Amino acid sequence: MTIYQKLAKIQTKFKAKKSRFNSFGKYYFRSAEDILEATKPFLKELDVAVTINEELISHDPPVLKVTAKIMNGEAEVGLDTHSYAQAIAIVGVDLDQKGMQMPQRYGAASSYGKKYALGNLFLIDDTQDADATNNHGKAKTTITNADFAKAKKYVKSGGKVDAI
C-alpha cells in the first residue's frame, strides 16, 4: 500500500471521541491527545508513524507553524516525498491572554495548532463540533426588519434601549 492508500484507510475508519468538557461553554471537544490516541491502533497495523513538528515562524507577533506528518514505517524523514503525507496549521500566540503565564500562552497555541494540523491530516470534520459553533451560553436572536423599525421608533420617542 502507498502512504496515500494507508492515509485514506485511516481517514475513513478514524474515530476520536470528544472526551473533554469545556465548563465555560458547556460543550464537549476533542484534543490533540485524543486524536493521537485514536491513531495508535493504525500505526502498527499499517506500518506507519505520525510525527508533529512545531516551528516559530514569526516573533512579532509570535506565530507557530505546526506540521503533522504520517510516513511509512521504513521511510526516513524527508528522503522520499512519496513515503509521507503532511498537513500544516498556522496559529498565533495570544500574548494578551489574561490569567496565563507566557509558557501557558505558547502551550495553548501549540495544543491548538497540533489539534488542527492533525485534524487537517486525518480529515476530521469539526463543523458539528461545539468548539466551532459555541455561542458561550448566549441565545442567538433573529430580529425582523419590522421589529427593528419598531425598536428605532421606540428609542426615538424616548424609550430606553435596555427595555428592548
N, C-alpha and C. Protein backbone atom coordinates (compact mmCIF):
# COMPACT_ATOMS: atom_id res chain seq x y z
N MET A 1 0.85 -1.19 0.00
CA MET A 1 0.00 0.00 0.00
C MET A 1 0.88 1.24 0.00
N THR A 2 0.47 2.26 -0.74
CA THR A 2 1.18 3.52 -0.71
C THR A 2 0.80 4.27 0.57
N ILE A 3 1.55 5.30 0.88
CA ILE A 3 1.24 6.10 2.07
C ILE A 3 -0.13 6.76 1.91
N TYR A 4 -0.49 7.11 0.68
CA TYR A 4 -1.79 7.75 0.45
C TYR A 4 -2.94 6.76 0.64
N GLN A 5 -2.74 5.52 0.26
CA GLN A 5 -3.75 4.49 0.49
C GLN A 5 -3.90 4.22 1.99
N LYS A 6 -2.78 4.20 2.70
CA LYS A 6 -2.82 3.99 4.15
C LYS A 6 -3.52 5.16 4.83
N LEU A 7 -3.19 6.37 4.40
CA LEU A 7 -3.82 7.55 4.98
C LEU A 7 -5.33 7.54 4.70
N ALA A 8 -5.72 7.18 3.49
CA ALA A 8 -7.14 7.12 3.16
C ALA A 8 -7.86 6.09 4.03
N LYS A 9 -7.22 4.99 4.32
CA LYS A 9 -7.83 3.97 5.19
C LYS A 9 -8.05 4.55 6.59
N ILE A 10 -7.05 5.25 7.10
CA ILE A 10 -7.19 5.87 8.43
C ILE A 10 -8.30 6.92 8.39
N GLN A 11 -8.30 7.76 7.36
CA GLN A 11 -9.30 8.83 7.26
C GLN A 11 -10.73 8.29 7.23
N THR A 12 -10.92 7.15 6.61
CA THR A 12 -12.28 6.61 6.51
C THR A 12 -12.69 5.81 7.74
N LYS A 13 -11.74 5.28 8.50
CA LYS A 13 -12.07 4.46 9.67
C LYS A 13 -11.83 5.19 10.99
N PHE A 14 -11.26 6.34 10.94
CA PHE A 14 -10.84 7.09 12.13
C PHE A 14 -12.04 7.52 12.98
N LYS A 15 -11.94 7.31 14.28
CA LYS A 15 -12.95 7.77 15.24
C LYS A 15 -12.21 8.30 16.46
N ALA A 16 -12.47 9.54 16.81
CA ALA A 16 -11.91 10.12 18.02
C ALA A 16 -13.05 10.77 18.79
N LYS A 17 -13.28 10.30 19.99
CA LYS A 17 -14.37 10.82 20.81
C LYS A 17 -14.03 12.21 21.34
N LYS A 18 -15.07 12.96 21.55
CA LYS A 18 -14.93 14.26 22.20
C LYS A 18 -15.03 14.02 23.70
N SER A 19 -13.90 13.77 24.32
CA SER A 19 -13.89 13.34 25.71
C SER A 19 -13.61 14.48 26.69
N ARG A 20 -13.31 15.65 26.18
CA ARG A 20 -13.01 16.80 27.06
C ARG A 20 -14.25 17.68 27.16
N PHE A 21 -14.42 18.31 28.34
CA PHE A 21 -15.59 19.15 28.56
C PHE A 21 -15.14 20.57 28.88
N ASN A 22 -15.71 21.54 28.18
CA ASN A 22 -15.46 22.94 28.45
C ASN A 22 -16.59 23.42 29.34
N SER A 23 -16.29 23.67 30.61
CA SER A 23 -17.35 24.03 31.56
C SER A 23 -17.85 25.46 31.33
N PHE A 24 -17.03 26.32 30.74
CA PHE A 24 -17.47 27.69 30.45
C PHE A 24 -18.52 27.67 29.34
N GLY A 25 -18.20 27.02 28.23
CA GLY A 25 -19.11 26.97 27.09
C GLY A 25 -20.10 25.82 27.15
N LYS A 26 -19.88 24.89 28.09
CA LYS A 26 -20.74 23.73 28.29
C LYS A 26 -20.85 22.87 27.02
N TYR A 27 -19.69 22.44 26.51
CA TYR A 27 -19.67 21.56 25.34
C TYR A 27 -18.48 20.61 25.44
N TYR A 28 -18.58 19.51 24.73
CA TYR A 28 -17.50 18.52 24.65
C TYR A 28 -16.66 18.79 23.41
N PHE A 29 -15.38 18.49 23.50
CA PHE A 29 -14.48 18.66 22.36
C PHE A 29 -13.39 17.61 22.43
N ARG A 30 -12.67 17.45 21.33
CA ARG A 30 -11.53 16.52 21.31
C ARG A 30 -10.25 17.33 21.30
N SER A 31 -9.22 16.78 21.88
CA SER A 31 -7.92 17.44 21.94
C SER A 31 -6.94 16.73 21.00
N ALA A 32 -5.77 17.31 20.84
CA ALA A 32 -4.71 16.67 20.04
C ALA A 32 -4.39 15.30 20.64
N GLU A 33 -4.38 15.21 21.95
CA GLU A 33 -4.09 13.93 22.61
C GLU A 33 -5.14 12.88 22.28
N ASP A 34 -6.41 13.30 22.22
CA ASP A 34 -7.49 12.38 21.84
C ASP A 34 -7.30 11.87 20.42
N ILE A 35 -6.90 12.75 19.53
CA ILE A 35 -6.69 12.38 18.13
C ILE A 35 -5.52 11.40 18.04
N LEU A 36 -4.41 11.72 18.71
CA LEU A 36 -3.24 10.84 18.68
C LEU A 36 -3.57 9.46 19.26
N GLU A 37 -4.32 9.43 20.34
CA GLU A 37 -4.72 8.15 20.95
C GLU A 37 -5.53 7.31 19.96
N ALA A 38 -6.40 7.97 19.21
CA ALA A 38 -7.25 7.26 18.25
C ALA A 38 -6.45 6.74 17.05
N THR A 39 -5.30 7.33 16.77
CA THR A 39 -4.49 6.86 15.63
C THR A 39 -3.63 5.66 15.99
N LYS A 40 -3.37 5.44 17.25
CA LYS A 40 -2.43 4.38 17.66
C LYS A 40 -2.75 2.99 17.12
N PRO A 41 -4.00 2.56 17.08
CA PRO A 41 -4.26 1.22 16.52
C PRO A 41 -3.82 1.08 15.05
N PHE A 42 -3.82 2.18 14.33
CA PHE A 42 -3.46 2.14 12.91
C PHE A 42 -1.95 2.07 12.69
N LEU A 43 -1.16 2.56 13.64
CA LEU A 43 0.28 2.67 13.44
C LEU A 43 0.94 1.33 13.15
N LYS A 44 0.68 0.37 14.01
CA LYS A 44 1.29 -0.95 13.82
C LYS A 44 0.62 -1.71 12.67
N GLU A 45 -0.72 -1.63 12.62
CA GLU A 45 -1.46 -2.35 11.58
C GLU A 45 -1.00 -1.96 10.18
N LEU A 46 -0.76 -0.66 9.96
CA LEU A 46 -0.42 -0.18 8.62
C LEU A 46 1.07 0.14 8.45
N ASP A 47 1.85 -0.08 9.50
CA ASP A 47 3.28 0.22 9.47
C ASP A 47 3.54 1.68 9.08
N VAL A 48 2.93 2.56 9.87
CA VAL A 48 3.12 4.00 9.67
C VAL A 48 3.52 4.65 10.99
N ALA A 49 4.05 5.85 10.89
CA ALA A 49 4.39 6.65 12.06
C ALA A 49 3.81 8.04 11.87
N VAL A 50 3.43 8.68 12.95
CA VAL A 50 2.92 10.04 12.92
C VAL A 50 3.85 10.91 13.75
N THR A 51 4.24 12.04 13.19
CA THR A 51 5.07 12.99 13.93
C THR A 51 4.42 14.37 13.86
N ILE A 52 4.77 15.20 14.82
CA ILE A 52 4.31 16.59 14.85
C ILE A 52 5.54 17.46 15.07
N ASN A 53 5.67 18.48 14.23
CA ASN A 53 6.79 19.40 14.34
C ASN A 53 6.25 20.82 14.49
N GLU A 54 6.85 21.58 15.39
CA GLU A 54 6.44 22.96 15.59
C GLU A 54 7.61 23.88 15.29
N GLU A 55 7.29 25.00 14.64
CA GLU A 55 8.33 25.96 14.29
C GLU A 55 7.78 27.36 14.51
N LEU A 56 8.55 28.19 15.20
CA LEU A 56 8.18 29.58 15.40
C LEU A 56 8.57 30.32 14.11
N ILE A 57 7.58 30.75 13.33
CA ILE A 57 7.89 31.36 12.04
C ILE A 57 7.84 32.88 12.07
N SER A 58 7.38 33.45 13.17
CA SER A 58 7.37 34.90 13.34
C SER A 58 7.52 35.19 14.83
N HIS A 59 8.26 36.24 15.13
CA HIS A 59 8.44 36.62 16.54
C HIS A 59 7.54 37.79 16.93
N ASP A 60 7.20 38.64 15.98
CA ASP A 60 6.40 39.82 16.30
C ASP A 60 5.35 40.04 15.24
N PRO A 61 4.16 39.53 15.39
CA PRO A 61 3.64 38.76 16.51
C PRO A 61 4.11 37.30 16.43
N PRO A 62 4.11 36.61 17.57
CA PRO A 62 4.53 35.21 17.54
C PRO A 62 3.53 34.32 16.81
N VAL A 63 4.04 33.55 15.85
CA VAL A 63 3.21 32.67 15.06
C VAL A 63 3.91 31.31 14.97
N LEU A 64 3.15 30.25 15.23
CA LEU A 64 3.67 28.89 15.15
C LEU A 64 3.17 28.21 13.88
N LYS A 65 4.06 27.47 13.26
CA LYS A 65 3.70 26.59 12.14
C LYS A 65 3.80 25.18 12.68
N VAL A 66 2.68 24.45 12.65
CA VAL A 66 2.63 23.10 13.18
C VAL A 66 2.39 22.14 12.02
N THR A 67 3.27 21.17 11.87
CA THR A 67 3.18 20.21 10.78
C THR A 67 2.95 18.82 11.34
N ALA A 68 1.84 18.21 10.93
CA ALA A 68 1.55 16.81 11.28
C ALA A 68 1.92 15.98 10.06
N LYS A 69 2.70 14.93 10.27
CA LYS A 69 3.19 14.11 9.17
C LYS A 69 2.93 12.65 9.46
N ILE A 70 2.49 11.93 8.43
CA ILE A 70 2.36 10.48 8.52
C ILE A 70 3.31 9.90 7.48
N MET A 71 4.08 8.90 7.90
CA MET A 71 5.04 8.31 6.96
C MET A 71 5.07 6.81 7.09
N ASN A 72 5.48 6.16 6.00
CA ASN A 72 5.68 4.72 6.02
C ASN A 72 6.72 4.38 7.06
N GLY A 73 6.54 3.24 7.71
CA GLY A 73 7.45 2.83 8.78
C GLY A 73 8.90 2.72 8.35
N GLU A 74 9.13 2.34 7.12
CA GLU A 74 10.50 2.18 6.65
C GLU A 74 11.09 3.48 6.11
N ALA A 75 10.27 4.53 6.00
CA ALA A 75 10.74 5.79 5.41
C ALA A 75 11.65 6.54 6.35
N GLU A 76 12.62 7.21 5.78
CA GLU A 76 13.45 8.13 6.55
C GLU A 76 12.91 9.52 6.27
N VAL A 77 12.72 10.30 7.33
CA VAL A 77 12.08 11.59 7.22
C VAL A 77 12.78 12.46 6.18
N GLY A 78 11.98 12.99 5.25
CA GLY A 78 12.47 13.94 4.28
C GLY A 78 13.14 13.36 3.06
N LEU A 79 13.37 12.05 2.99
CA LEU A 79 14.09 11.47 1.86
C LEU A 79 13.22 11.27 0.64
N ASP A 80 12.04 10.74 0.83
CA ASP A 80 11.19 10.38 -0.30
C ASP A 80 9.81 10.98 -0.09
N THR A 81 9.43 11.93 -0.94
CA THR A 81 8.13 12.60 -0.76
C THR A 81 6.96 11.67 -1.00
N HIS A 82 7.19 10.49 -1.57
CA HIS A 82 6.11 9.53 -1.77
C HIS A 82 5.95 8.60 -0.56
N SER A 83 6.77 8.78 0.45
CA SER A 83 6.67 7.92 1.62
C SER A 83 6.04 8.63 2.81
N TYR A 84 5.57 9.87 2.59
CA TYR A 84 4.88 10.57 3.66
C TYR A 84 3.84 11.54 3.10
N ALA A 85 2.92 11.94 3.97
CA ALA A 85 1.94 12.98 3.67
C ALA A 85 1.91 13.89 4.89
N GLN A 86 1.62 15.15 4.68
CA GLN A 86 1.62 16.08 5.81
C GLN A 86 0.52 17.12 5.67
N ALA A 87 0.20 17.73 6.80
CA ALA A 87 -0.76 18.83 6.85
C ALA A 87 -0.21 19.86 7.82
N ILE A 88 -0.52 21.10 7.55
CA ILE A 88 0.04 22.22 8.33
C ILE A 88 -1.09 23.06 8.92
N ALA A 89 -0.84 23.58 10.11
CA ALA A 89 -1.72 24.57 10.73
C ALA A 89 -0.85 25.74 11.16
N ILE A 90 -1.33 26.95 10.95
CA ILE A 90 -0.63 28.16 11.36
C ILE A 90 -1.45 28.80 12.47
N VAL A 91 -0.83 29.05 13.62
CA VAL A 91 -1.56 29.63 14.76
C VAL A 91 -0.75 30.76 15.39
N GLY A 92 -1.46 31.76 15.83
CA GLY A 92 -0.83 32.87 16.55
C GLY A 92 -0.82 32.58 18.04
N VAL A 93 0.11 33.22 18.73
CA VAL A 93 0.19 33.12 20.18
C VAL A 93 -0.43 34.40 20.76
N ASP A 94 -1.48 34.25 21.55
CA ASP A 94 -2.17 35.40 22.14
C ASP A 94 -1.38 35.88 23.35
N LEU A 95 -0.63 36.97 23.16
CA LEU A 95 0.21 37.49 24.25
C LEU A 95 -0.61 38.24 25.30
N ASP A 96 -1.86 38.52 25.00
CA ASP A 96 -2.70 39.26 25.94
C ASP A 96 -3.68 38.36 26.69
N GLN A 97 -3.52 37.05 26.59
CA GLN A 97 -4.44 36.11 27.25
C GLN A 97 -4.35 36.31 28.76
N LYS A 98 -5.45 36.74 29.35
CA LYS A 98 -5.49 37.01 30.79
C LYS A 98 -5.46 35.72 31.58
N GLY A 99 -4.80 35.74 32.72
CA GLY A 99 -4.77 34.60 33.62
C GLY A 99 -3.78 33.52 33.22
N MET A 100 -2.94 33.79 32.23
CA MET A 100 -1.94 32.80 31.80
C MET A 100 -0.55 33.39 31.85
N GLN A 101 0.38 32.57 32.26
CA GLN A 101 1.79 32.93 32.18
C GLN A 101 2.23 32.71 30.73
N MET A 102 3.37 33.31 30.35
CA MET A 102 3.85 33.21 28.98
C MET A 102 4.00 31.76 28.49
N PRO A 103 4.59 30.85 29.28
CA PRO A 103 4.68 29.46 28.80
C PRO A 103 3.30 28.84 28.53
N GLN A 104 2.29 29.22 29.32
CA GLN A 104 0.94 28.70 29.11
C GLN A 104 0.35 29.24 27.82
N ARG A 105 0.66 30.47 27.48
CA ARG A 105 0.16 31.06 26.23
C ARG A 105 0.72 30.32 25.03
N TYR A 106 2.02 30.03 25.07
CA TYR A 106 2.64 29.27 23.98
C TYR A 106 2.12 27.84 23.95
N GLY A 107 1.92 27.26 25.13
CA GLY A 107 1.40 25.90 25.22
C GLY A 107 -0.01 25.80 24.66
N ALA A 108 -0.84 26.79 24.94
CA ALA A 108 -2.21 26.79 24.41
C ALA A 108 -2.19 26.89 22.89
N ALA A 109 -1.34 27.76 22.35
CA ALA A 109 -1.24 27.89 20.88
C ALA A 109 -0.70 26.59 20.28
N SER A 110 0.25 25.98 20.95
CA SER A 110 0.83 24.72 20.48
C SER A 110 -0.23 23.62 20.43
N SER A 111 -1.01 23.48 21.50
CA SER A 111 -2.06 22.47 21.55
C SER A 111 -3.10 22.70 20.45
N TYR A 112 -3.48 23.93 20.28
CA TYR A 112 -4.47 24.29 19.26
C TYR A 112 -3.93 23.96 17.87
N GLY A 113 -2.67 24.32 17.61
CA GLY A 113 -2.05 24.03 16.32
C GLY A 113 -1.95 22.54 16.05
N LYS A 114 -1.56 21.77 17.07
CA LYS A 114 -1.47 20.31 16.91
C LYS A 114 -2.84 19.73 16.56
N LYS A 115 -3.87 20.16 17.28
CA LYS A 115 -5.23 19.65 17.04
C LYS A 115 -5.65 19.91 15.60
N TYR A 116 -5.40 21.10 15.10
CA TYR A 116 -5.86 21.44 13.76
C TYR A 116 -4.96 20.86 12.66
N ALA A 117 -3.68 20.73 12.89
CA ALA A 117 -2.82 20.05 11.91
C ALA A 117 -3.23 18.59 11.79
N LEU A 118 -3.44 17.93 12.92
CA LEU A 118 -3.89 16.54 12.90
C LEU A 118 -5.28 16.42 12.28
N GLY A 119 -6.16 17.35 12.60
CA GLY A 119 -7.49 17.36 12.02
C GLY A 119 -7.44 17.51 10.51
N ASN A 120 -6.54 18.35 10.02
CA ASN A 120 -6.37 18.52 8.58
C ASN A 120 -5.82 17.24 7.94
N LEU A 121 -4.86 16.61 8.60
CA LEU A 121 -4.25 15.40 8.06
C LEU A 121 -5.26 14.26 7.98
N PHE A 122 -6.03 14.07 9.04
CA PHE A 122 -6.96 12.94 9.11
C PHE A 122 -8.39 13.30 8.68
N LEU A 123 -8.57 14.49 8.13
CA LEU A 123 -9.88 14.96 7.64
C LEU A 123 -10.97 14.89 8.70
N ILE A 124 -10.64 15.36 9.88
CA ILE A 124 -11.62 15.40 10.96
C ILE A 124 -12.49 16.61 10.74
N ASP A 125 -13.78 16.38 10.58
CA ASP A 125 -14.73 17.44 10.30
C ASP A 125 -15.25 17.98 11.62
N ASP A 126 -14.90 19.22 11.94
CA ASP A 126 -15.36 19.83 13.18
C ASP A 126 -16.53 20.79 12.96
N THR A 127 -17.22 20.70 11.83
CA THR A 127 -18.32 21.62 11.60
C THR A 127 -19.44 21.43 12.61
N GLN A 128 -19.61 20.21 13.12
CA GLN A 128 -20.63 19.95 14.13
C GLN A 128 -20.05 20.05 15.53
N ASP A 129 -18.76 20.40 15.62
CA ASP A 129 -18.08 20.49 16.90
C ASP A 129 -18.52 21.76 17.61
N ALA A 130 -18.95 21.65 18.85
CA ALA A 130 -19.36 22.82 19.62
C ALA A 130 -18.22 23.82 19.74
N ASP A 131 -16.98 23.35 19.63
CA ASP A 131 -15.82 24.23 19.65
C ASP A 131 -15.92 25.26 18.52
N ALA A 132 -16.46 24.86 17.39
CA ALA A 132 -16.57 25.73 16.22
C ALA A 132 -17.86 26.55 16.22
N THR A 133 -18.91 26.06 16.89
CA THR A 133 -20.21 26.73 16.82
C THR A 133 -20.66 27.29 18.16
N ASN A 134 -19.81 27.26 19.16
CA ASN A 134 -20.19 27.65 20.51
C ASN A 134 -20.57 29.12 20.58
N ASN A 135 -21.67 29.42 21.26
CA ASN A 135 -22.05 30.81 21.50
C ASN A 135 -21.89 31.17 22.97
N HIS A 136 -21.20 30.34 23.73
CA HIS A 136 -20.88 30.54 25.15
C HIS A 136 -22.12 30.86 25.98
N GLY A 137 -23.20 30.11 25.72
CA GLY A 137 -24.40 30.23 26.54
C GLY A 137 -25.31 31.38 26.19
N LYS A 138 -24.97 32.17 25.18
CA LYS A 138 -25.79 33.31 24.80
C LYS A 138 -26.74 32.87 23.69
N ALA A 139 -28.02 33.10 23.91
CA ALA A 139 -29.01 32.72 22.90
C ALA A 139 -28.88 33.64 21.69
N LYS A 140 -29.03 33.07 20.53
CA LYS A 140 -28.97 33.85 19.31
C LYS A 140 -30.40 34.24 18.95
N THR A 141 -30.64 35.54 18.72
CA THR A 141 -31.97 36.04 18.43
C THR A 141 -32.00 36.60 17.01
N THR A 142 -33.03 36.28 16.28
CA THR A 142 -33.22 36.83 14.95
C THR A 142 -34.22 37.96 15.05
N ILE A 143 -33.86 39.13 14.50
CA ILE A 143 -34.73 40.30 14.55
C ILE A 143 -35.20 40.60 13.13
N THR A 144 -36.49 40.74 12.96
CA THR A 144 -37.04 41.07 11.64
C THR A 144 -36.90 42.56 11.38
N ASN A 145 -37.05 42.97 10.13
CA ASN A 145 -37.00 44.40 9.78
C ASN A 145 -38.10 45.17 10.49
N ALA A 146 -39.27 44.55 10.61
CA ALA A 146 -40.40 45.21 11.29
C ALA A 146 -40.09 45.44 12.77
N ASP A 147 -39.46 44.42 13.41
CA ASP A 147 -39.08 44.56 14.82
C ASP A 147 -38.04 45.66 14.98
N PHE A 148 -37.09 45.71 14.05
CA PHE A 148 -36.04 46.72 14.11
C PHE A 148 -36.62 48.13 13.97
N ALA A 149 -37.54 48.31 13.01
CA ALA A 149 -38.19 49.61 12.80
C ALA A 149 -38.98 50.02 14.05
N LYS A 150 -39.66 49.06 14.66
CA LYS A 150 -40.44 49.32 15.88
C LYS A 150 -39.51 49.76 17.02
N ALA A 151 -38.35 49.10 17.14
CA ALA A 151 -37.39 49.43 18.19
C ALA A 151 -36.82 50.83 17.97
N LYS A 152 -36.49 51.16 16.71
CA LYS A 152 -35.97 52.50 16.40
C LYS A 152 -36.98 53.58 16.79
N LYS A 153 -38.25 53.35 16.44
CA LYS A 153 -39.31 54.32 16.76
C LYS A 153 -39.44 54.49 18.26
N TYR A 154 -39.34 53.37 18.99
CA TYR A 154 -39.45 53.39 20.45
C TYR A 154 -38.32 54.23 21.07
N VAL A 155 -37.09 54.03 20.59
CA VAL A 155 -35.94 54.76 21.14
C VAL A 155 -36.04 56.24 20.77
N LYS A 156 -36.44 56.56 19.54
CA LYS A 156 -36.58 57.97 19.12
C LYS A 156 -37.60 58.71 19.97
N SER A 157 -38.62 58.00 20.44
CA SER A 157 -39.66 58.65 21.24
C SER A 157 -39.31 58.70 22.73
N GLY A 158 -38.04 58.36 23.05
CA GLY A 158 -37.59 58.48 24.45
C GLY A 158 -37.49 57.17 25.19
N GLY A 159 -37.79 56.07 24.55
CA GLY A 159 -37.70 54.77 25.19
C GLY A 159 -36.26 54.36 25.45
N LYS A 160 -36.03 53.52 26.43
CA LYS A 160 -34.70 53.06 26.80
C LYS A 160 -34.30 51.79 26.03
N VAL A 161 -33.07 51.79 25.50
CA VAL A 161 -32.57 50.63 24.76
C VAL A 161 -32.58 49.39 25.67
N ASP A 162 -32.24 49.56 26.93
CA ASP A 162 -32.23 48.44 27.88
C ASP A 162 -33.60 47.75 27.98
N ALA A 163 -34.65 48.51 27.76
CA ALA A 163 -36.00 47.95 27.86
C ALA A 163 -36.33 47.04 26.67
N ILE A 164 -35.63 47.23 25.59
CA ILE A 164 -35.87 46.40 24.40
C ILE A 164 -35.30 45.05 24.66
